[in-house]
Amino acid sequence: MHDWLIKNGYVLIAENQDWNSQRGDCCYWGLRGQSAGAGGHVVMFVDSDNIIHCNYANNGITINNYNQTAASAGWMYSYVYRLATPATTSTAGKSLDTLVKETLAGNYGNGEMRKAALGNQYDAVMVVINGKSTTAQKSVDQLAQEVIAGKHGNGEGRKKALGSQYDAVQKRVTEMLKTSTSGNTSKTPSEPSNSVVVNSSTEPKTEETGATGKATDTKITKEDGDLSFNGAILKKSVLDVILAKCKEHNILPSYAITALHFEGLWGTSAVGKADNNWGGMTWTGKGERPSGVTVTQGTARPANEGGHYMHYASVDDFLTDWFYLLRSGGSYKVSGAKTFSDAVKGMFKVGGSVYDYAASGFDSYIVGASSRLKAIEQENGSLDKFDKATDIGVGSKDQIDITIAGIEVTINGITYELTKKPV
């Protein structure tokens, strides 16, 4: 399928990362050659939000919301192809600064598509993006203010835009945010987003072992003690931090390990790579988190959701913040759960949570999450060994039977089915 698309005039515009979708985009799920579960599934966009595809759940061809469908399948590794025609986004009359911002936002694709879309402006735009233009002439304070205002993109895009000034500017951004938020930490929970809700009661930050392994490095190979699934590797150094935090907060390790892949592919999702954000955490406008971690505004969320993700300085900071949300006495009822299904249920109102962690609801979420757990265990062995090692959930285990991966599961005799509403 990949080769056919290339031969017939399509170009690869995004690989396992966010992009600005448009009518006619073809998306292929799963690593090349993968055909199990949702792997090998092909969808085509009918507009920026919805896809047409042949699917088992509806026993035919239907039109569905892409984000809902992709989430129910566990956000598979993806390839996006687009017919190599002139870009629909016009560059006429736009300033260089505007073109740079739009390019960093993904409006003009990548590679040859970007060259064709930008035309004679391509070289000038790329000079700025690669940090060879005038940004160095500005003071660190000026650049820091611009970063806070979102003018220099995020992740690798920000590094390229700021060039040699990146480290100094990032340090100044952190200082500014700490100063502006000192003594003003909110005492009430934030409003829930489409996927993750932020709780903001305050406790002091505790010292912890650093997560030295970078799961976002695509060149990392699996070594003894690492976990791997669907192209992502969870390094033992990061796993050890996760297990320590599970022990600290009385959270089931099998749940945490699975949830962190289900939400952010162990750091290999687009937002995981750009922002060290493994859980889709939403930017609230405040840099100082109740957990004690300092964050900045990250990449933009999908257009239909609005807002931005949080950008964490490190995976360590993300894990500190994420586990803080799930702590005992917080908005969720994950801490203290002895089985995987009870931990997942604690993320939703049906399980005693103040908020629903995901708009899809518990019944749909548990289908995807439990399917992901079993798939991870097929590659790495039972995650129950981590539950036993931390003495959490010992003697309590769900009986999970996957009827149709990502579509229907039976847990302790109760059957859950994915519910998808055609658009």
Protein backbone atom coordinates (compact mmCIF):
# COMPACT_ATOMS: atom_id res chain seq x y z
CA MET A 1 0.00 0.00 0.00
CA HIS A 2 2.82 2.42 0.90
CA ASP A 3 4.62 1.81 -2.40
CA TRP A 4 1.38 2.09 -4.39
CA LEU A 5 0.67 5.52 -2.91
CA ILE A 6 4.17 6.78 -3.70
CA LYS A 7 4.01 5.45 -7.26
CA ASN A 8 0.67 7.15 -7.80
CA GLY A 9 1.68 10.65 -6.84
CA TYR A 10 1.28 10.69 -3.06
CA VAL A 11 3.98 11.91 -0.67
CA LEU A 12 4.53 11.00 2.98
CA ILE A 13 3.74 14.17 4.95
CA ALA A 14 3.69 12.83 8.53
CA GLU A 15 4.98 9.72 10.28
CA ASN A 16 3.54 9.06 13.74
CA GLN A 17 3.09 12.75 14.52
CA ASP A 18 0.36 15.39 14.52
CA TRP A 19 -0.40 17.16 11.25
CA ASN A 20 -2.99 19.53 9.82
CA SER A 21 -5.33 17.08 8.13
CA GLN A 22 -7.35 17.92 5.03
CA ARG A 23 -9.72 16.23 2.61
CA GLY A 24 -8.01 13.48 0.62
CA ASP A 25 -5.30 12.60 3.17
CA CYS A 26 -4.69 8.85 3.42
CA CYS A 27 -3.64 7.46 6.80
CA TYR A 28 -2.16 3.99 7.29
CA TRP A 29 -2.12 2.54 10.84
CA GLY A 30 0.57 0.27 12.24
CA LEU A 31 4.23 -0.21 11.37
CA ARG A 32 4.92 -1.32 7.81
CA GLY A 33 4.05 -4.99 7.48
CA GLN A 34 1.87 -5.04 10.60
CA SER A 35 -1.60 -6.48 10.13
CA ALA A 36 -2.78 -7.55 13.59
CA GLY A 37 -5.71 -5.74 15.24
CA ALA A 38 -5.93 -2.21 13.85
CA GLY A 39 -2.51 -2.58 12.21
CA GLY A 40 -2.87 -2.29 8.44
CA HIS A 41 -6.09 -0.26 8.65
CA VAL A 42 -6.36 2.47 5.98
CA VAL A 43 -8.58 5.54 6.28
CA MET A 44 -9.19 8.54 4.03
CA PHE A 45 -10.18 12.00 5.25
CA VAL A 46 -13.41 13.48 3.88
CA ASP A 47 -12.68 16.75 5.71
CA SER A 48 -10.25 17.91 8.38
CA ASP A 49 -11.95 15.94 11.16
CA ASN A 50 -13.73 12.94 9.65
CA ILE A 51 -12.68 9.79 7.78
CA ILE A 52 -14.28 7.22 5.55
CA HIS A 53 -13.19 3.62 6.10
CA CYS A 54 -14.30 0.01 5.95
CA ASN A 55 -14.51 -1.27 9.53
CA TYR A 56 -15.56 -4.30 11.51
CA ALA A 57 -17.36 -2.35 14.23
CA ASN A 58 -20.03 -1.13 11.81
CA ASN A 59 -19.82 -4.09 9.44
CA GLY A 60 -19.31 -1.88 6.41
CA ILE A 61 -18.10 1.49 5.15
CA THR A 62 -18.85 4.43 7.42
CA ILE A 63 -17.79 8.01 8.11
CA ASN A 64 -16.45 8.61 11.61
CA ASN A 65 -14.54 11.20 13.60
CA TYR A 66 -10.83 10.48 13.20
CA ASN A 67 -9.71 11.29 16.75
CA GLN A 68 -12.44 9.15 18.31
CA THR A 69 -11.69 6.25 15.98
CA ALA A 70 -7.92 6.49 16.43
CA ALA A 71 -8.28 6.71 20.20
CA SER A 72 -10.49 3.62 20.30
CA ALA A 73 -7.81 1.73 18.37
CA GLY A 74 -5.12 2.88 20.80
CA TRP A 75 -3.46 5.55 18.64
CA MET A 76 -1.57 3.18 16.41
CA TYR A 77 1.73 4.13 14.77
CA SER A 78 0.65 6.03 11.66
CA TYR A 79 1.78 7.16 8.21
CA VAL A 80 -0.03 10.00 6.41
CA TYR A 81 0.12 10.44 2.65
CA ARG A 82 -1.17 13.34 0.57
CA LEU A 83 -1.50 13.75 -3.18
CA ALA A 84 1.35 15.98 -4.35
CA THR A 85 -0.73 18.87 -5.66
CA PRO A 86 -0.18 22.59 -5.04
CA ALA A 87 -0.88 23.49 -1.43
CA THR A 88 -4.32 24.87 -0.65
CA THR A 89 -2.77 27.25 1.89
CA SER A 90 -1.74 30.35 -0.04
CA THR A 91 1.53 32.16 0.71
CA ALA A 92 0.58 35.24 -1.30
CA GLY A 93 1.05 38.53 0.52
CA LYS A 94 2.26 36.94 3.76
CA SER A 95 5.27 38.22 5.68
CA LEU A 96 8.31 36.05 6.31
CA ASP A 97 7.44 35.92 10.01
CA THR A 98 3.93 34.64 9.22
CA LEU A 99 5.26 31.99 6.84
CA VAL A 100 7.75 30.79 9.47
CA LYS A 101 4.99 30.44 12.08
CA GLU A 102 2.70 28.62 9.64
CA THR A 103 5.52 26.30 8.59
CA LEU A 104 6.33 25.44 12.22
CA ALA A 105 2.61 24.77 12.74
CA GLY A 106 2.72 22.22 9.92
CA ASN A 107 0.62 24.15 7.41
CA TYR A 108 2.99 23.42 4.52
CA GLY A 109 3.89 19.79 5.18
CA ASN A 110 7.46 18.53 4.95
CA GLY A 111 10.18 17.81 2.40
CA GLU A 112 9.23 18.24 -1.24
CA MET A 113 5.68 19.25 -0.36
CA ARG A 114 6.99 22.15 1.73
CA LYS A 115 9.32 23.25 -1.08
CA ALA A 116 6.47 23.25 -3.56
CA ALA A 117 4.11 25.06 -1.19
CA LEU A 118 6.54 27.83 -0.21
CA GLY A 119 8.01 28.28 -3.69
CA ASN A 120 10.60 31.06 -3.85
CA GLN A 121 10.08 31.75 -0.13
CA TYR A 122 11.33 28.30 0.90
CA ASP A 123 15.01 29.17 1.43
CA ALA A 124 14.23 32.32 3.43
CA VAL A 125 11.76 30.50 5.66
CA MET A 126 14.13 27.61 6.33
CA VAL A 127 16.99 29.98 7.16
CA VAL A 128 14.88 31.45 9.98
CA ILE A 129 13.65 28.05 11.16
CA ASN A 130 17.18 26.71 11.26
CA GLY A 131 18.23 29.57 13.53
CA LYS A 132 20.45 31.42 11.03
CA SER A 133 18.48 34.64 10.83
CA THR A 134 17.96 37.60 13.13
CA THR A 135 16.80 35.95 16.38
CA ALA A 136 20.31 36.13 17.83
CA GLN A 137 20.20 39.93 17.55
CA LYS A 138 17.42 40.11 20.12
CA SER A 139 18.04 40.01 23.86
CA VAL A 140 17.40 36.85 25.86
CA ASP A 141 14.55 38.62 27.67
CA GLN A 142 12.90 39.60 24.37
CA LEU A 143 13.15 36.06 23.05
CA ALA A 144 11.85 34.61 26.32
CA GLN A 145 8.80 36.87 26.15
CA GLU A 146 8.21 35.75 22.56
CA VAL A 147 8.50 32.09 23.55
CA ILE A 148 5.93 32.56 26.32
CA ALA A 149 3.68 34.22 23.72
CA GLY A 150 4.08 31.15 21.51
CA LYS A 151 6.02 32.88 18.71
CA HIS A 152 8.83 30.35 18.32
CA GLY A 153 6.97 27.06 18.18
CA ASN A 154 7.82 24.10 20.42
CA GLY A 155 10.18 21.17 20.75
CA GLU A 156 12.62 20.78 17.87
CA GLY A 157 11.00 23.67 16.00
CA ARG A 158 11.79 26.00 18.90
CA LYS A 159 15.36 24.72 19.12
CA LYS A 160 15.89 25.45 15.44
CA ALA A 161 14.26 28.87 15.62
CA LEU A 162 16.33 30.00 18.60
CA GLY A 163 19.57 28.37 17.49
CA SER A 164 22.47 28.96 19.89
CA GLN A 165 20.22 31.05 22.14
CA TYR A 166 17.93 28.11 22.97
CA ASP A 167 19.39 27.09 26.36
CA ALA A 168 19.69 30.66 27.66
CA VAL A 169 16.17 31.53 26.52
CA GLN A 170 14.62 28.39 28.03
CA LYS A 171 16.32 29.13 31.35
CA ARG A 172 14.95 32.68 31.28
CA VAL A 173 11.45 31.42 30.39
CA THR A 174 11.48 29.19 33.46
CA GLU A 175 12.62 32.09 35.66
CA MET A 176 9.89 34.38 34.30
CA LEU A 177 7.17 31.79 34.80
CA LYS A 178 8.26 31.08 38.36
CA THR A 179 8.24 34.79 39.15
CA SER A 180 4.84 35.41 37.58
CA THR A 181 3.13 32.47 39.30
CA SER A 182 4.75 32.73 42.76
CA GLY A 183 2.07 32.73 45.46
CA ASN A 184 -0.76 32.42 42.95
CA THR A 185 -1.26 28.66 42.71
CA SER A 186 -4.91 27.79 42.15
CA LYS A 187 -6.68 25.94 44.96
CA THR A 188 -9.43 24.46 42.82
CA PRO A 189 -9.39 21.77 40.13
CA SER A 190 -9.00 22.94 36.54
CA GLU A 191 -11.78 22.34 34.06
CA PRO A 192 -11.44 18.98 32.28
CA SER A 193 -10.18 18.87 28.69
CA ASN A 194 -11.23 16.30 26.13
CA SER A 195 -8.67 13.83 27.40
CA VAL A 196 -6.87 14.82 30.62
CA VAL A 197 -8.05 16.85 33.59
CA VAL A 198 -5.63 18.81 35.77
CA ASN A 199 -6.01 18.80 39.55
CA SER A 200 -4.33 21.67 41.34
CA SER A 201 -4.26 21.12 45.08
CA THR A 202 -0.72 21.76 46.31
CA GLU A 203 1.97 19.64 47.91
CA PRO A 204 5.76 20.09 47.99
CA LYS A 205 7.85 18.44 45.31
CA THR A 206 9.88 15.44 46.52
CA GLU A 207 13.35 14.35 45.42
CA GLU A 208 13.51 11.33 43.16
CA THR A 209 15.80 9.23 41.00
CA GLY A 210 16.29 10.74 37.55
CA ALA A 211 14.86 9.06 34.46
CA THR A 212 18.03 9.00 32.40
CA GLY A 213 16.72 6.89 29.52
CA LYS A 214 15.13 8.81 26.67
CA ALA A 215 12.27 6.78 25.31
CA THR A 216 11.80 9.34 22.56
CA ASP A 217 15.17 8.55 20.94
CA THR A 218 14.27 6.49 17.88
CA LYS A 219 17.78 5.01 17.74
CA ILE A 220 17.46 3.33 21.14
CA THR A 221 17.50 -0.45 21.01
CA LYS A 222 15.93 -2.81 23.50
CA GLU A 223 18.23 -4.05 26.26
CA ASP A 224 17.77 -6.33 29.26
CA GLY A 225 15.14 -4.89 31.58
CA ASP A 226 13.51 -2.71 28.91
CA LEU A 227 9.94 -3.14 27.70
CA SER A 228 8.93 -2.79 24.06
CA PHE A 229 5.71 -2.65 22.08
CA ASN A 230 4.71 -1.46 18.61
CA GLY A 231 8.02 0.26 17.94
CA ALA A 232 8.29 2.02 21.32
CA ILE A 233 10.88 1.08 23.95
CA LEU A 234 10.44 1.86 27.64
CA LYS A 235 13.96 2.01 29.05
CA LYS A 236 14.64 0.30 32.38
CA SER A 237 15.84 3.59 33.87
CA VAL A 238 12.44 5.17 33.16
CA LEU A 239 10.58 2.00 34.17
CA ASP A 240 12.37 2.07 37.54
CA VAL A 241 11.13 5.63 38.14
CA ILE A 242 7.58 4.59 37.21
CA LEU A 243 7.73 1.63 39.61
CA ALA A 244 9.09 3.82 42.42
CA LYS A 245 6.26 6.31 41.94
CA CYS A 246 3.71 3.50 41.82
CA LYS A 247 5.03 2.31 45.18
CA GLU A 248 4.98 5.86 46.57
CA HIS A 249 1.40 6.54 45.48
CA ASN A 250 -0.02 2.99 45.82
CA ILE A 251 -0.82 2.76 42.11
CA LEU A 252 -0.89 -0.55 40.23
CA PRO A 253 2.22 -0.74 37.99
CA SER A 254 0.47 -2.78 35.28
CA TYR A 255 -2.07 0.03 35.00
CA ALA A 256 0.52 2.83 34.92
CA ILE A 257 2.74 1.10 32.35
CA THR A 258 -0.23 0.40 30.08
CA ALA A 259 -1.83 3.84 30.49
CA LEU A 260 1.44 5.58 29.61
CA HIS A 261 1.62 3.62 26.36
CA PHE A 262 -2.09 3.95 25.62
CA GLU A 263 -1.93 7.74 26.08
CA GLY A 264 1.53 8.61 24.76
CA LEU A 265 3.22 5.51 23.29
CA TRP A 266 5.92 5.71 26.00
CA GLY A 267 7.07 9.05 24.69
CA THR A 268 7.11 8.23 20.98
CA SER A 269 3.88 10.07 20.15
CA ALA A 270 4.25 13.45 18.49
CA VAL A 271 3.53 15.36 21.70
CA GLY A 272 5.71 12.95 23.65
CA LYS A 273 8.67 13.72 21.40
CA ALA A 274 8.10 17.46 21.19
CA ASP A 275 7.01 18.18 24.75
CA ASN A 276 8.05 15.18 26.92
CA ASN A 277 4.29 14.95 27.49
CA TRP A 278 3.35 11.26 27.66
CA GLY A 279 -0.24 11.82 28.73
CA GLY A 280 -1.73 14.55 26.57
CA MET A 281 -1.70 17.02 29.48
CA THR A 282 -3.35 20.31 28.52
CA TRP A 283 -1.72 23.72 29.02
CA THR A 284 -3.71 25.73 31.59
CA GLY A 285 -1.95 29.06 31.14
CA LYS A 286 0.06 28.71 34.35
CA GLY A 287 3.69 27.62 34.37
CA GLU A 288 3.94 26.51 37.99
CA ARG A 289 2.19 23.17 38.52
CA PRO A 290 0.70 22.06 41.86
CA SER A 291 3.18 19.19 41.81
CA GLY A 292 6.05 21.69 41.95
CA VAL A 293 7.02 21.13 38.32
CA THR A 294 7.42 24.12 35.98
CA VAL A 295 5.95 23.79 32.48
CA THR A 296 5.60 25.99 29.40
CA GLN A 297 3.08 26.16 26.57
CA GLY A 298 3.61 23.24 24.22
CA THR A 299 2.40 22.23 20.78
CA ALA A 300 -1.15 22.96 19.65
CA ARG A 301 -3.87 20.41 20.35
CA PRO A 302 -5.98 19.19 17.39
CA ALA A 303 -8.03 21.97 15.82
CA ASN A 304 -11.35 20.47 16.93
CA GLU A 305 -10.19 20.54 20.57
CA GLY A 306 -8.33 23.84 20.71
CA GLY A 307 -5.69 24.97 23.16
CA HIS A 308 -2.19 23.58 23.61
CA TYR A 309 -0.39 20.76 25.34
CA MET A 310 1.99 21.34 28.24
CA HIS A 311 5.69 21.25 27.53
CA TYR A 312 7.77 19.49 30.20
CA ALA A 313 11.49 20.07 30.53
CA SER A 314 12.07 16.34 31.01
CA VAL A 315 10.33 12.96 31.23
CA ASP A 316 11.13 13.09 34.95
CA ASP A 317 9.03 16.25 35.32
CA PHE A 318 6.14 14.72 33.40
CA LEU A 319 6.09 11.60 35.57
CA THR A 320 6.18 13.69 38.75
CA ASP A 321 3.20 15.72 37.52
CA TRP A 322 1.21 12.77 36.16
CA PHE A 323 1.51 10.66 39.28
CA TYR A 324 0.61 13.68 41.39
CA LEU A 325 -2.76 13.81 39.59
CA LEU A 326 -3.42 10.17 40.44
CA ARG A 327 -2.38 10.40 44.10
CA SER A 328 -4.62 9.39 46.97
CA GLY A 329 -7.03 12.18 47.86
CA GLY A 330 -6.95 13.72 44.39
CA SER A 331 -9.70 13.97 41.80
CA TYR A 332 -9.24 10.40 40.59
CA LYS A 333 -9.71 7.08 42.38
CA VAL A 334 -6.76 5.22 40.89
CA SER A 335 -4.63 5.04 44.03
CA GLY A 336 -5.45 1.96 46.07
CA ALA A 337 -7.11 0.04 43.21
CA LYS A 338 -6.08 -3.62 43.32
CA THR A 339 -7.02 -4.64 39.77
CA PHE A 340 -6.40 -3.14 36.35
CA SER A 341 -10.10 -2.65 35.63
CA ASP A 342 -10.69 -0.90 38.97
CA ALA A 343 -7.74 1.43 38.32
CA VAL A 344 -9.13 2.36 34.89
CA LYS A 345 -12.62 2.77 36.36
CA GLY A 346 -11.14 5.18 38.92
CA MET A 347 -10.34 7.54 36.05
CA PHE A 348 -14.06 8.06 35.43
CA LYS A 349 -17.09 9.27 37.36
CA VAL A 350 -18.51 5.75 37.33
CA GLY A 351 -15.55 4.76 39.51
CA GLY A 352 -15.77 7.72 41.87
CA SER A 353 -13.64 10.24 39.96
CA VAL A 354 -14.56 13.92 40.05
CA TYR A 355 -14.10 14.07 36.27
CA ASP A 356 -14.17 11.69 33.31
CA TYR A 357 -10.56 11.27 32.15
CA ALA A 358 -11.65 10.84 28.52
CA ALA A 359 -14.74 11.98 26.66
CA SER A 360 -15.26 8.47 25.26
CA GLY A 361 -16.36 7.22 28.70
CA PHE A 362 -15.31 4.20 30.74
CA ASP A 363 -16.94 1.44 28.65
CA SER A 364 -15.11 2.45 25.48
CA TYR A 365 -11.85 3.35 27.24
CA ILE A 366 -11.58 0.02 29.07
CA VAL A 367 -11.88 -1.84 25.75
CA GLY A 368 -8.87 -0.05 24.31
CA ALA A 369 -6.85 -0.02 27.54
CA SER A 370 -7.33 -3.71 28.34
CA SER A 371 -6.60 -4.68 24.73
CA ARG A 372 -3.38 -2.68 24.99
CA LEU A 373 -2.46 -4.40 28.27
CA LYS A 374 -2.83 -7.86 26.74
CA ALA A 375 -0.91 -6.83 23.61
CA ILE A 376 1.98 -5.46 25.69
CA GLU A 377 2.02 -8.67 27.72
CA GLN A 378 2.20 -10.78 24.56
CA GLU A 379 5.52 -9.11 23.75
CA ASN A 380 6.96 -8.74 27.25
CA GLY A 381 5.30 -11.33 29.44
CA SER A 382 2.79 -10.65 32.20
CA LEU A 383 3.01 -7.21 33.82
CA ASP A 384 1.68 -8.86 36.97
CA LYS A 385 5.31 -9.37 38.02
CA PHE A 386 5.65 -5.62 38.58
CA ASP A 387 2.46 -5.56 40.67
CA LYS A 388 3.91 -8.31 42.86
CA ALA A 389 7.33 -6.69 43.10
CA THR A 390 5.79 -3.49 44.50
CA ASP A 391 3.33 -5.46 46.67
CA ILE A 392 0.37 -3.73 45.04
CA GLY A 393 -2.61 -5.79 43.93
CA VAL A 394 -1.08 -9.09 45.06
CA GLY A 395 -3.68 -11.85 44.92
CA SER A 396 -6.11 -9.73 42.89
CA LYS A 397 -6.12 -10.08 39.11
CA ASP A 398 -8.68 -9.48 36.40
CA GLN A 399 -9.74 -12.25 34.07
CA ILE A 400 -9.50 -10.47 30.71
CA ASP A 401 -10.61 -12.15 27.50
CA ILE A 402 -10.11 -10.25 24.26
CA THR A 403 -12.98 -11.15 21.95
CA ILE A 404 -11.98 -8.66 19.26
CA ALA A 405 -8.91 -6.52 19.96
CA GLY A 406 -9.94 -2.90 20.44
CA ILE A 407 -13.61 -3.72 19.81
CA GLU A 408 -14.93 -6.12 22.46
CA VAL A 409 -13.50 -7.52 25.70
CA THR A 410 -14.82 -9.51 28.63
CA ILE A 411 -13.47 -8.65 32.09
CA ASN A 412 -14.45 -10.78 35.07
CA GLY A 413 -17.49 -12.02 33.15
CA ILE A 414 -18.71 -8.57 32.06
CA THR A 415 -18.56 -7.76 28.35
CA TYR A 416 -17.61 -4.28 27.20
CA GLU A 417 -18.03 -3.10 23.62
CA LEU A 418 -16.57 -0.12 21.85
CA THR A 419 -19.27 2.39 20.97
CA LYS A 420 -18.59 4.59 17.94
CA LYS A 421 -21.16 7.00 16.59
CA PRO A 422 -21.12 7.64 12.82
CA VAL A 423 -20.90 11.32 11.97
